[in-house]
Amino acid sequence: MISRLRNSLGKWHRTMTTTSLGSQVPLAYDLYEPSNSLRSSNPIIVIHGLFGSKKNNRGISKVLARDLRRPVYTIDLRNHGDSPHNSQHDYLCMARDVEAFIIAHSLKNSTIIGHSMGAKTAMMLALVSPTLVHDVVSVDNAPIRNMFQDDFASYIRGMKLVEEQNVFKQSEADKILQNFVKSLSVRQFLLGNFYHTEKGILRSKVPLDILNHSLENLRDFPIRDSSIKKFINPALFIRGTKSRYVTDDMFHEIEKFFPRYKLVDVEASHWLISENPEDFRKAVVNFLGSA
């Protein structure tokens, strides 16, 4: 297996700049390639959720590259990981960023896999640029307006307090976050967004104010009329059985936008890729093997 680390900006580094409002953002990425010479050229693009990054999908991407013999790109969306910051953060902008990434890398017949915020980005891309997308996998999200984002608002409050306290150690930051986040695994996930300054103080890599102001955008799904936009290629929806993000009463809305959709349940919460990677892998491999 060959694993290559690249950056769309031309060299590998963390970008802390803020680009102009409304402009497309070049996305940082990792590329995992299968070792088998009998490989397909059809790529898979994996998109993380809110507060995630390409690093979160490293393990599953290596496995999918191996099992499907396809190149797998894991990307950082705007305002996340090593991609630039931008004051505008909504699904159309993120979909246009991924669209530009696909065009810049001359990718054909792409499979788009997205979790949570990344799932809505993947769905948005499939609906606005269907010629660039062969099929789509939505992981624990649906093309509707979510009625809850309270957890994420609490996460941001905790992360901002970590910055305000000027702590040096991850253990100190974790102690602060305990007042906002009960789950140890979620706290560890959030702590992955911090880095040490030259003075050793922990600072957030993600622009917390921008993301906080964008929570209403992330709750929504911009396309309401399925008579205008439909994705007629195969689509897989994977939901966590312990999650509230995709409920049975949403199936009708899913079918209106994605008439060829399939549903697979995985025993897990919203963080199903990390909690149950094997069942997730099986669902994706079975779907892409038959699509």
C-alpha atoms as a PDB file:
ATOM      1  CA  MET A   1       0.000   0.000   0.000  1.00  0.00           C
ATOM      2  CA  ILE A   2       1.262   3.438  -0.902  1.00  0.00           C
ATOM      3  CA  SER A   3       0.280   6.403   1.222  1.00  0.00           C
ATOM      4  CA  ARG A   4       1.087   9.911   0.053  1.00  0.00           C
ATOM      5  CA  LEU A   5       0.559  13.144   1.919  1.00  0.00           C
ATOM      6  CA  ARG A   6      -0.170  16.157  -0.235  1.00  0.00           C
ATOM      7  CA  ASN A   7      -1.602  19.612  -0.025  1.00  0.00           C
ATOM      8  CA  SER A   8      -3.578  21.385  -2.721  1.00  0.00           C
ATOM      9  CA  LEU A   9      -1.720  24.582  -1.897  1.00  0.00           C
ATOM     10  CA  GLY A  10       1.483  23.146  -3.369  1.00  0.00           C
ATOM     11  CA  LYS A  11       3.402  22.306  -0.220  1.00  0.00           C
ATOM     12  CA  TRP A  12       2.683  20.700   3.100  1.00  0.00           C
ATOM     13  CA  HIS A  13       1.959  23.155   5.892  1.00  0.00           C
ATOM     14  CA  ARG A  14      -0.839  24.336   8.104  1.00  0.00           C
ATOM     15  CA  THR A  15      -2.571  27.387   6.662  1.00  0.00           C
ATOM     16  CA  MET A  16      -3.876  29.850   9.234  1.00  0.00           C
ATOM     17  CA  THR A  17      -4.841  32.615   6.797  1.00  0.00           C
ATOM     18  CA  THR A  18      -8.373  33.772   6.073  1.00  0.00           C
ATOM     19  CA  THR A  19      -9.457  33.958   2.438  1.00  0.00           C
ATOM     20  CA  SER A  20     -11.891  36.493   1.033  1.00  0.00           C
ATOM     21  CA  LEU A  21     -15.619  36.137   1.502  1.00  0.00           C
ATOM     22  CA  GLY A  22     -17.278  33.894  -1.056  1.00  0.00           C
ATOM     23  CA  SER A  23     -14.079  32.649  -2.692  1.00  0.00           C
ATOM     24  CA  GLN A  24     -13.330  28.982  -3.195  1.00  0.00           C
ATOM     25  CA  VAL A  25     -10.867  27.411  -0.804  1.00  0.00           C
ATOM     26  CA  PRO A  26      -8.112  25.018  -1.968  1.00  0.00           C
ATOM     27  CA  LEU A  27      -8.420  21.903   0.160  1.00  0.00           C
ATOM     28  CA  ALA A  28      -5.606  20.090   1.932  1.00  0.00           C
ATOM     29  CA  TYR A  29      -5.694  16.336   1.466  1.00  0.00           C
ATOM     30  CA  ASP A  30      -4.056  12.949   1.951  1.00  0.00           C
ATOM     31  CA  LEU A  31      -4.031  10.310  -0.768  1.00  0.00           C
ATOM     32  CA  TYR A  32      -4.053   6.568  -0.066  1.00  0.00           C
ATOM     33  CA  GLU A  33      -3.379   4.303  -3.007  1.00  0.00           C
ATOM     34  CA  PRO A  34      -3.844   0.535  -3.285  1.00  0.00           C
ATOM     35  CA  SER A  35      -0.721  -1.548  -3.702  1.00  0.00           C
ATOM     36  CA  ASN A  36      -2.358  -3.957  -6.128  1.00  0.00           C
ATOM     37  CA  SER A  37      -1.547  -3.213  -9.756  1.00  0.00           C
ATOM     38  CA  LEU A  38      -5.081  -4.289 -10.742  1.00  0.00           C
ATOM     39  CA  ARG A  39      -6.484  -1.028  -9.472  1.00  0.00           C
ATOM     40  CA  SER A  40      -9.379   1.129 -10.545  1.00  0.00           C
ATOM     41  CA  SER A  41      -8.822   4.751 -11.454  1.00  0.00           C
ATOM     42  CA  ASN A  42     -12.205   5.749 -10.022  1.00  0.00           C
ATOM     43  CA  PRO A  43     -11.431   7.701  -6.847  1.00  0.00           C
ATOM     44  CA  ILE A  44     -13.144   7.860  -3.481  1.00  0.00           C
ATOM     45  CA  ILE A  45     -13.276  11.179  -1.617  1.00  0.00           C
ATOM     46  CA  VAL A  46     -13.877  11.012   2.137  1.00  0.00           C
ATOM     47  CA  ILE A  47     -15.183  14.105   3.936  1.00  0.00           C
ATOM     48  CA  HIS A  48     -15.104  14.608   7.703  1.00  0.00           C
ATOM     49  CA  GLY A  49     -17.708  16.238   9.934  1.00  0.00           C
ATOM     50  CA  LEU A  50     -17.691  19.370  12.080  1.00  0.00           C
ATOM     51  CA  PHE A  51     -14.439  19.686  14.099  1.00  0.00           C
ATOM     52  CA  GLY A  52     -13.008  16.727  12.191  1.00  0.00           C
ATOM     53  CA  SER A  53     -10.168  16.513   9.701  1.00  0.00           C
ATOM     54  CA  LYS A  54      -8.633  14.188   7.153  1.00  0.00           C
ATOM     55  CA  LYS A  55      -6.619  12.565   9.942  1.00  0.00           C
ATOM     56  CA  ASN A  56      -9.793  11.159  11.503  1.00  0.00           C
ATOM     57  CA  ASN A  57     -10.447   9.142   8.335  1.00  0.00           C
ATOM     58  CA  ARG A  58      -6.905   7.877   7.828  1.00  0.00           C
ATOM     59  CA  GLY A  59      -7.528   4.323   9.072  1.00  0.00           C
ATOM     60  CA  ILE A  60     -10.763   3.655   7.206  1.00  0.00           C
ATOM     61  CA  SER A  61      -9.357   5.242   4.037  1.00  0.00           C
ATOM     62  CA  LYS A  62      -6.396   2.867   4.002  1.00  0.00           C
ATOM     63  CA  VAL A  63      -8.766  -0.074   4.417  1.00  0.00           C
ATOM     64  CA  LEU A  64     -11.098   1.083   1.635  1.00  0.00           C
ATOM     65  CA  ALA A  65      -8.149   1.660  -0.709  1.00  0.00           C
ATOM     66  CA  ARG A  66      -6.997  -1.893  -0.008  1.00  0.00           C
ATOM     67  CA  ASP A  67     -10.381  -3.623  -0.226  1.00  0.00           C
ATOM     68  CA  LEU A  68     -11.766  -1.728  -3.217  1.00  0.00           C
ATOM     69  CA  ARG A  69      -8.420  -1.239  -5.011  1.00  0.00           C
ATOM     70  CA  ARG A  70      -9.251   2.410  -5.555  1.00  0.00           C
ATOM     71  CA  PRO A  71      -7.389   5.617  -4.686  1.00  0.00           C
ATOM     72  CA  VAL A  72      -8.887   7.316  -1.643  1.00  0.00           C
ATOM     73  CA  TYR A  73      -8.576  11.047  -1.009  1.00  0.00           C
ATOM     74  CA  THR A  74      -9.290  12.351   2.479  1.00  0.00           C
ATOM     75  CA  ILE A  75      -9.788  16.096   2.496  1.00  0.00           C
ATOM     76  CA  ASP A  76      -9.937  18.940   4.999  1.00  0.00           C
ATOM     77  CA  LEU A  77     -12.948  21.164   4.456  1.00  0.00           C
ATOM     78  CA  ARG A  78     -12.594  24.932   4.790  1.00  0.00           C
ATOM     79  CA  ASN A  79     -11.999  26.101   8.371  1.00  0.00           C
ATOM     80  CA  HIS A  80     -10.781  22.633   9.346  1.00  0.00           C
ATOM     81  CA  GLY A  81      -7.466  20.825   9.562  1.00  0.00           C
ATOM     82  CA  ASP A  82      -4.843  22.223   7.201  1.00  0.00           C
ATOM     83  CA  SER A  83      -7.211  23.991   4.801  1.00  0.00           C
ATOM     84  CA  PRO A  84      -7.523  27.796   4.790  1.00  0.00           C
ATOM     85  CA  HIS A  85     -10.049  29.692   6.854  1.00  0.00           C
ATOM     86  CA  ASN A  86     -12.953  31.597   5.321  1.00  0.00           C
ATOM     87  CA  SER A  87     -15.611  33.721   6.976  1.00  0.00           C
ATOM     88  CA  GLN A  88     -18.348  32.024   4.947  1.00  0.00           C
ATOM     89  CA  HIS A  89     -19.170  28.478   6.051  1.00  0.00           C
ATOM     90  CA  ASP A  90     -22.206  26.820   4.494  1.00  0.00           C
ATOM     91  CA  TYR A  91     -22.979  23.737   2.447  1.00  0.00           C
ATOM     92  CA  LEU A  92     -22.989  25.370  -0.964  1.00  0.00           C
ATOM     93  CA  CYS A  93     -19.549  26.902  -0.356  1.00  0.00           C
ATOM     94  CA  MET A  94     -18.157  23.615   0.908  1.00  0.00           C
ATOM     95  CA  ALA A  95     -19.660  21.719  -2.027  1.00  0.00           C
ATOM     96  CA  ARG A  96     -18.099  24.212  -4.451  1.00  0.00           C
ATOM     97  CA  ASP A  97     -14.727  23.710  -2.736  1.00  0.00           C
ATOM     98  CA  VAL A  98     -14.977  19.949  -3.286  1.00  0.00           C
ATOM     99  CA  GLU A  99     -16.151  20.525  -6.853  1.00  0.00           C
ATOM    100  CA  ALA A 100     -13.049  22.658  -7.499  1.00  0.00           C
ATOM    101  CA  PHE A 101     -10.876  19.956  -5.903  1.00  0.00           C
ATOM    102  CA  ILE A 102     -12.311  17.297  -8.226  1.00  0.00           C
ATOM    103  CA  ILE A 103     -11.765  19.469 -11.292  1.00  0.00           C
ATOM    104  CA  ALA A 104      -8.250  20.526 -10.257  1.00  0.00           C
ATOM    105  CA  HIS A 105      -7.199  16.897  -9.832  1.00  0.00           C
ATOM    106  CA  SER A 106      -8.992  15.711 -12.997  1.00  0.00           C
ATOM    107  CA  LEU A 107     -10.965  13.095 -11.061  1.00  0.00           C
ATOM    108  CA  LYS A 108     -13.593  11.065 -12.891  1.00  0.00           C
ATOM    109  CA  ASN A 109     -16.450   8.873 -11.635  1.00  0.00           C
ATOM    110  CA  SER A 110     -15.868   9.848  -8.023  1.00  0.00           C
ATOM    111  CA  THR A 111     -17.517   8.259  -5.016  1.00  0.00           C
ATOM    112  CA  ILE A 112     -18.160  10.865  -2.313  1.00  0.00           C
ATOM    113  CA  ILE A 113     -18.348   9.629   1.288  1.00  0.00           C
ATOM    114  CA  GLY A 114     -19.230  12.162   3.970  1.00  0.00           C
ATOM    115  CA  HIS A 115     -19.989  12.023   7.682  1.00  0.00           C
ATOM    116  CA  SER A 116     -22.361  14.462   9.410  1.00  0.00           C
ATOM    117  CA  MET A 117     -21.445  17.939   8.068  1.00  0.00           C
ATOM    118  CA  GLY A 118     -19.436  16.116   5.415  1.00  0.00           C
ATOM    119  CA  ALA A 119     -22.508  14.044   4.547  1.00  0.00           C
ATOM    120  CA  LYS A 120     -24.574  17.136   3.808  1.00  0.00           C
ATOM    121  CA  THR A 121     -21.668  18.534   1.812  1.00  0.00           C
ATOM    122  CA  ALA A 122     -21.531  15.293  -0.191  1.00  0.00           C
ATOM    123  CA  MET A 123     -25.289  15.367  -0.797  1.00  0.00           C
ATOM    124  CA  MET A 124     -25.135  19.023  -1.801  1.00  0.00           C
ATOM    125  CA  LEU A 125     -22.352  18.309  -4.294  1.00  0.00           C
ATOM    126  CA  ALA A 126     -24.274  15.378  -5.768  1.00  0.00           C
ATOM    127  CA  LEU A 127     -27.342  17.571  -6.278  1.00  0.00           C
ATOM    128  CA  VAL A 128     -25.645  20.670  -7.713  1.00  0.00           C
ATOM    129  CA  SER A 129     -22.886  18.922  -9.736  1.00  0.00           C
ATOM    130  CA  PRO A 130     -24.207  15.423 -10.503  1.00  0.00           C
ATOM    131  CA  THR A 131     -21.917  14.921 -13.502  1.00  0.00           C
ATOM    132  CA  LEU A 132     -18.912  14.923 -11.162  1.00  0.00           C
ATOM    133  CA  VAL A 133     -20.334  12.309  -8.788  1.00  0.00           C
ATOM    134  CA  HIS A 134     -20.749   8.628  -9.630  1.00  0.00           C
ATOM    135  CA  ASP A 135     -22.336   7.717  -6.306  1.00  0.00           C
ATOM    136  CA  VAL A 136     -22.600   9.072  -2.791  1.00  0.00           C
ATOM    137  CA  VAL A 137     -22.453   7.663   0.742  1.00  0.00           C
ATOM    138  CA  SER A 138     -24.124   9.757   3.438  1.00  0.00           C
ATOM    139  CA  VAL A 139     -23.022   8.769   6.928  1.00  0.00           C
ATOM    140  CA  ASP A 140     -25.592   9.603   9.612  1.00  0.00           C
ATOM    141  CA  ASN A 141     -27.233  12.633   8.085  1.00  0.00           C
ATOM    142  CA  ALA A 142     -30.159  13.400   5.793  1.00  0.00           C
ATOM    143  CA  PRO A 143     -31.081  16.189   3.324  1.00  0.00           C
ATOM    144  CA  ILE A 144     -33.309  17.978   5.810  1.00  0.00           C
ATOM    145  CA  ARG A 145     -33.064  20.685   8.440  1.00  0.00           C
ATOM    146  CA  ASN A 146     -31.820  19.264  11.750  1.00  0.00           C
ATOM    147  CA  MET A 147     -33.688  20.475  14.796  1.00  0.00           C
ATOM    148  CA  PHE A 148     -30.700  20.194  17.118  1.00  0.00           C
ATOM    149  CA  GLN A 149     -27.191  21.597  17.269  1.00  0.00           C
ATOM    150  CA  ASP A 150     -27.009  22.227  21.013  1.00  0.00           C
ATOM    151  CA  ASP A 151     -24.144  19.788  21.496  1.00  0.00           C
ATOM    152  CA  PHE A 152     -21.940  21.610  19.010  1.00  0.00           C
ATOM    153  CA  ALA A 153     -22.672  25.004  20.552  1.00  0.00           C
ATOM    154  CA  SER A 154     -21.591  23.561  23.892  1.00  0.00           C
ATOM    155  CA  TYR A 155     -18.424  22.156  22.324  1.00  0.00           C
ATOM    156  CA  ILE A 156     -17.519  25.609  21.014  1.00  0.00           C
ATOM    157  CA  ARG A 157     -18.098  27.228  24.405  1.00  0.00           C
ATOM    158  CA  GLY A 158     -15.760  24.709  25.991  1.00  0.00           C
ATOM    159  CA  MET A 159     -13.090  25.110  23.332  1.00  0.00           C
ATOM    160  CA  LYS A 160     -13.213  28.896  23.635  1.00  0.00           C
ATOM    161  CA  LEU A 161     -12.771  28.622  27.387  1.00  0.00           C
ATOM    162  CA  VAL A 162      -9.683  26.456  26.840  1.00  0.00           C
ATOM    163  CA  GLU A 163      -8.204  29.300  24.785  1.00  0.00           C
ATOM    164  CA  GLU A 164      -9.186  31.935  27.326  1.00  0.00           C
ATOM    165  CA  GLN A 165      -7.496  30.020  30.149  1.00  0.00           C
ATOM    166  CA  ASN A 166      -4.134  29.917  28.278  1.00  0.00           C
ATOM    167  CA  VAL A 167      -3.407  26.338  29.327  1.00  0.00           C
ATOM    168  CA  PHE A 168      -0.287  24.446  28.313  1.00  0.00           C
ATOM    169  CA  LYS A 169      -1.239  20.795  28.762  1.00  0.00           C
ATOM    170  CA  GLN A 170      -3.850  18.641  27.064  1.00  0.00           C
ATOM    171  CA  SER A 171      -4.818  17.329  30.494  1.00  0.00           C
ATOM    172  CA  GLU A 172      -5.629  20.884  31.596  1.00  0.00           C
ATOM    173  CA  ALA A 173      -7.705  21.435  28.473  1.00  0.00           C
ATOM    174  CA  ASP A 174      -9.517  18.148  29.013  1.00  0.00           C
ATOM    175  CA  LYS A 175     -10.402  19.171  32.563  1.00  0.00           C
ATOM    176  CA  ILE A 176     -12.004  22.359  31.231  1.00  0.00           C
ATOM    177  CA  LEU A 177     -13.907  20.483  28.523  1.00  0.00           C
ATOM    178  CA  GLN A 178     -15.339  18.046  31.073  1.00  0.00           C
ATOM    179  CA  ASN A 179     -17.765  20.790  32.111  1.00  0.00           C
ATOM    180  CA  PHE A 180     -19.135  20.877  28.557  1.00  0.00           C
ATOM    181  CA  VAL A 181     -18.623  17.373  27.141  1.00  0.00           C
ATOM    182  CA  LYS A 182     -19.272  14.192  29.118  1.00  0.00           C
ATOM    183  CA  SER A 183     -17.859  11.712  26.606  1.00  0.00           C
ATOM    184  CA  LEU A 184     -14.108  11.111  26.870  1.00  0.00           C
ATOM    185  CA  SER A 185     -13.895  10.032  23.226  1.00  0.00           C
ATOM    186  CA  VAL A 186     -15.617  13.231  22.063  1.00  0.00           C
ATOM    187  CA  ARG A 187     -13.298  15.343  24.236  1.00  0.00           C
ATOM    188  CA  GLN A 188     -10.286  13.609  22.723  1.00  0.00           C
ATOM    189  CA  PHE A 189     -11.744  14.262  19.282  1.00  0.00           C
ATOM    190  CA  LEU A 190     -12.155  17.974  20.058  1.00  0.00           C
ATOM    191  CA  LEU A 191      -8.677  18.228  21.574  1.00  0.00           C
ATOM    192  CA  GLY A 192      -7.299  17.139  18.208  1.00  0.00           C
ATOM    193  CA  ASN A 193      -8.143  20.654  17.024  1.00  0.00           C
ATOM    194  CA  PHE A 194      -5.599  22.300  19.332  1.00  0.00           C
ATOM    195  CA  TYR A 195      -1.921  22.981  18.734  1.00  0.00           C
ATOM    196  CA  HIS A 196       0.882  24.481  20.824  1.00  0.00           C
ATOM    197  CA  THR A 197       2.090  27.980  20.009  1.00  0.00           C
ATOM    198  CA  GLU A 198       5.779  28.845  20.203  1.00  0.00           C
ATOM    199  CA  LYS A 199       5.161  29.768  23.837  1.00  0.00           C
ATOM    200  CA  GLY A 200       3.571  26.369  24.455  1.00  0.00           C
ATOM    201  CA  ILE A 201       0.028  27.664  24.920  1.00  0.00           C
ATOM    202  CA  LEU A 202      -2.809  25.614  23.451  1.00  0.00           C
ATOM    203  CA  ARG A 203      -4.717  27.343  20.664  1.00  0.00           C
ATOM    204  CA  SER A 204      -7.481  26.141  18.364  1.00  0.00           C
ATOM    205  CA  LYS A 205      -6.589  25.417  14.746  1.00  0.00           C
ATOM    206  CA  VAL A 206     -10.210  25.933  13.738  1.00  0.00           C
ATOM    207  CA  PRO A 207     -11.808  29.415  13.746  1.00  0.00           C
ATOM    208  CA  LEU A 208     -14.251  29.013  16.619  1.00  0.00           C
ATOM    209  CA  ASP A 209     -16.079  32.309  16.076  1.00  0.00           C
ATOM    210  CA  ILE A 210     -16.699  31.549  12.394  1.00  0.00           C
ATOM    211  CA  LEU A 211     -17.999  28.065  13.163  1.00  0.00           C
ATOM    212  CA  ASN A 212     -20.128  29.348  16.027  1.00  0.00           C
ATOM    213  CA  HIS A 213     -21.782  31.895  13.734  1.00  0.00           C
ATOM    214  CA  SER A 214     -22.293  29.166  11.121  1.00  0.00           C
ATOM    215  CA  LEU A 215     -24.169  26.647  13.277  1.00  0.00           C
ATOM    216  CA  GLU A 216     -27.520  27.767  11.881  1.00  0.00           C
ATOM    217  CA  ASN A 217     -26.212  27.178   8.345  1.00  0.00           C
ATOM    218  CA  LEU A 218     -25.038  23.716   9.351  1.00  0.00           C
ATOM    219  CA  ARG A 219     -28.387  22.844  10.884  1.00  0.00           C
ATOM    220  CA  ASP A 220     -30.088  23.572   7.566  1.00  0.00           C
ATOM    221  CA  PHE A 221     -30.068  21.899   4.157  1.00  0.00           C
ATOM    222  CA  PRO A 222     -30.234  24.596   1.464  1.00  0.00           C
ATOM    223  CA  ILE A 223     -32.179  22.712  -1.195  1.00  0.00           C
ATOM    224  CA  ARG A 224     -35.848  22.308  -0.320  1.00  0.00           C
ATOM    225  CA  ASP A 225     -37.438  21.505  -3.689  1.00  0.00           C
ATOM    226  CA  SER A 226     -36.651  18.015  -4.967  1.00  0.00           C
ATOM    227  CA  SER A 227     -38.462  18.789  -8.235  1.00  0.00           C
ATOM    228  CA  ILE A 228     -35.565  21.101  -9.095  1.00  0.00           C
ATOM    229  CA  LYS A 229     -32.662  18.944  -7.904  1.00  0.00           C
ATOM    230  CA  LYS A 230     -32.459  15.152  -7.882  1.00  0.00           C
ATOM    231  CA  PHE A 231     -29.519  12.737  -7.861  1.00  0.00           C
ATOM    232  CA  ILE A 232     -30.463   9.725  -9.956  1.00  0.00           C
ATOM    233  CA  ASN A 233     -27.301   7.686  -9.385  1.00  0.00           C
ATOM    234  CA  PRO A 234     -26.945   5.205  -6.497  1.00  0.00           C
ATOM    235  CA  ALA A 235     -26.785   6.587  -2.964  1.00  0.00           C
ATOM    236  CA  LEU A 236     -26.155   4.824   0.320  1.00  0.00           C
ATOM    237  CA  PHE A 237     -27.359   6.166   3.660  1.00  0.00           C
ATOM    238  CA  ILE A 238     -25.680   4.645   6.698  1.00  0.00           C
ATOM    239  CA  ARG A 239     -27.187   5.541  10.056  1.00  0.00           C
ATOM    240  CA  GLY A 240     -26.220   4.800  13.626  1.00  0.00           C
ATOM    241  CA  THR A 241     -28.893   2.854  15.492  1.00  0.00           C
ATOM    242  CA  LYS A 242     -28.151   4.891  18.648  1.00  0.00           C
ATOM    243  CA  SER A 243     -28.201   8.215  16.802  1.00  0.00           C
ATOM    244  CA  ARG A 244     -31.108  10.615  16.285  1.00  0.00           C
ATOM    245  CA  TYR A 245     -29.811  12.165  13.057  1.00  0.00           C
ATOM    246  CA  VAL A 246     -31.652   9.866  10.607  1.00  0.00           C
ATOM    247  CA  THR A 247     -35.082   8.680  11.737  1.00  0.00           C
ATOM    248  CA  ASP A 248     -37.651   6.570   9.916  1.00  0.00           C
ATOM    249  CA  ASP A 249     -39.868   9.566   9.188  1.00  0.00           C
ATOM    250  CA  MET A 250     -37.062  11.079   7.088  1.00  0.00           C
ATOM    251  CA  PHE A 251     -37.086   8.302   4.481  1.00  0.00           C
ATOM    252  CA  HIS A 252     -39.649  10.082   2.321  1.00  0.00           C
ATOM    253  CA  GLU A 253     -37.493  13.211   2.125  1.00  0.00           C
ATOM    254  CA  ILE A 254     -34.394  11.163   1.350  1.00  0.00           C
ATOM    255  CA  GLU A 255     -36.178   9.340  -1.467  1.00  0.00           C
ATOM    256  CA  LYS A 256     -37.378  12.594  -3.044  1.00  0.00           C
ATOM    257  CA  PHE A 257     -33.791  13.763  -3.552  1.00  0.00           C
ATOM    258  CA  PHE A 258     -32.123  10.355  -3.927  1.00  0.00           C
ATOM    259  CA  PRO A 259     -34.655   7.990  -5.540  1.00  0.00           C
ATOM    260  CA  ARG A 260     -32.121   5.134  -5.826  1.00  0.00           C
ATOM    261  CA  TYR A 261     -31.025   5.255  -2.200  1.00  0.00           C
ATOM    262  CA  LYS A 262     -30.290   2.267   0.009  1.00  0.00           C
ATOM    263  CA  LEU A 263     -30.236   2.268   3.808  1.00  0.00           C
ATOM    264  CA  VAL A 264     -27.923   0.353   6.133  1.00  0.00           C
ATOM    265  CA  ASP A 265     -28.108   0.472   9.922  1.00  0.00           C
ATOM    266  CA  VAL A 266     -24.894   0.204  11.933  1.00  0.00           C
ATOM    267  CA  GLU A 267     -24.920  -0.387  15.669  1.00  0.00           C
ATOM    268  CA  ALA A 268     -23.339   2.833  16.893  1.00  0.00           C
ATOM    269  CA  SER A 269     -24.031   6.428  17.839  1.00  0.00           C
ATOM    270  CA  HIS A 270     -23.487   9.411  15.544  1.00  0.00           C
ATOM    271  CA  TRP A 271     -19.728   8.696  15.546  1.00  0.00           C
ATOM    272  CA  LEU A 272     -20.256   5.368  13.828  1.00  0.00           C
ATOM    273  CA  ILE A 273     -17.090   5.242  11.690  1.00  0.00           C
ATOM    274  CA  SER A 274     -14.872   5.282  14.779  1.00  0.00           C
ATOM    275  CA  GLU A 275     -17.221   3.215  16.954  1.00  0.00           C
ATOM    276  CA  ASN A 276     -17.960   0.426  14.473  1.00  0.00           C
ATOM    277  CA  PRO A 277     -15.441   0.639  11.624  1.00  0.00           C
ATOM    278  CA  GLU A 278     -15.893  -2.986  10.543  1.00  0.00           C
ATOM    279  CA  ASP A 279     -19.637  -2.790   9.951  1.00  0.00           C
ATOM    280  CA  PHE A 280     -19.127   0.574   8.257  1.00  0.00           C
ATOM    281  CA  ARG A 281     -16.460  -0.959   6.012  1.00  0.00           C
ATOM    282  CA  LYS A 282     -18.749  -3.861   5.096  1.00  0.00           C
ATOM    283  CA  ALA A 283     -21.612  -1.518   4.228  1.00  0.00           C
ATOM    284  CA  VAL A 284     -19.445   0.630   1.954  1.00  0.00           C
ATOM    285  CA  VAL A 285     -17.677  -2.293   0.269  1.00  0.00           C
ATOM    286  CA  ASN A 286     -20.961  -4.118  -0.378  1.00  0.00           C
ATOM    287  CA  PHE A 287     -22.561  -0.983  -1.797  1.00  0.00           C
ATOM    288  CA  LEU A 288     -19.676   0.007  -4.052  1.00  0.00           C
ATOM    289  CA  GLY A 289     -19.170  -3.578  -5.143  1.00  0.00           C
ATOM    290  CA  SER A 290     -22.738  -3.709  -6.456  1.00  0.00           C
ATOM    291  CA  ALA A 291     -23.270  -0.094  -7.533  1.00  0.00           C
END
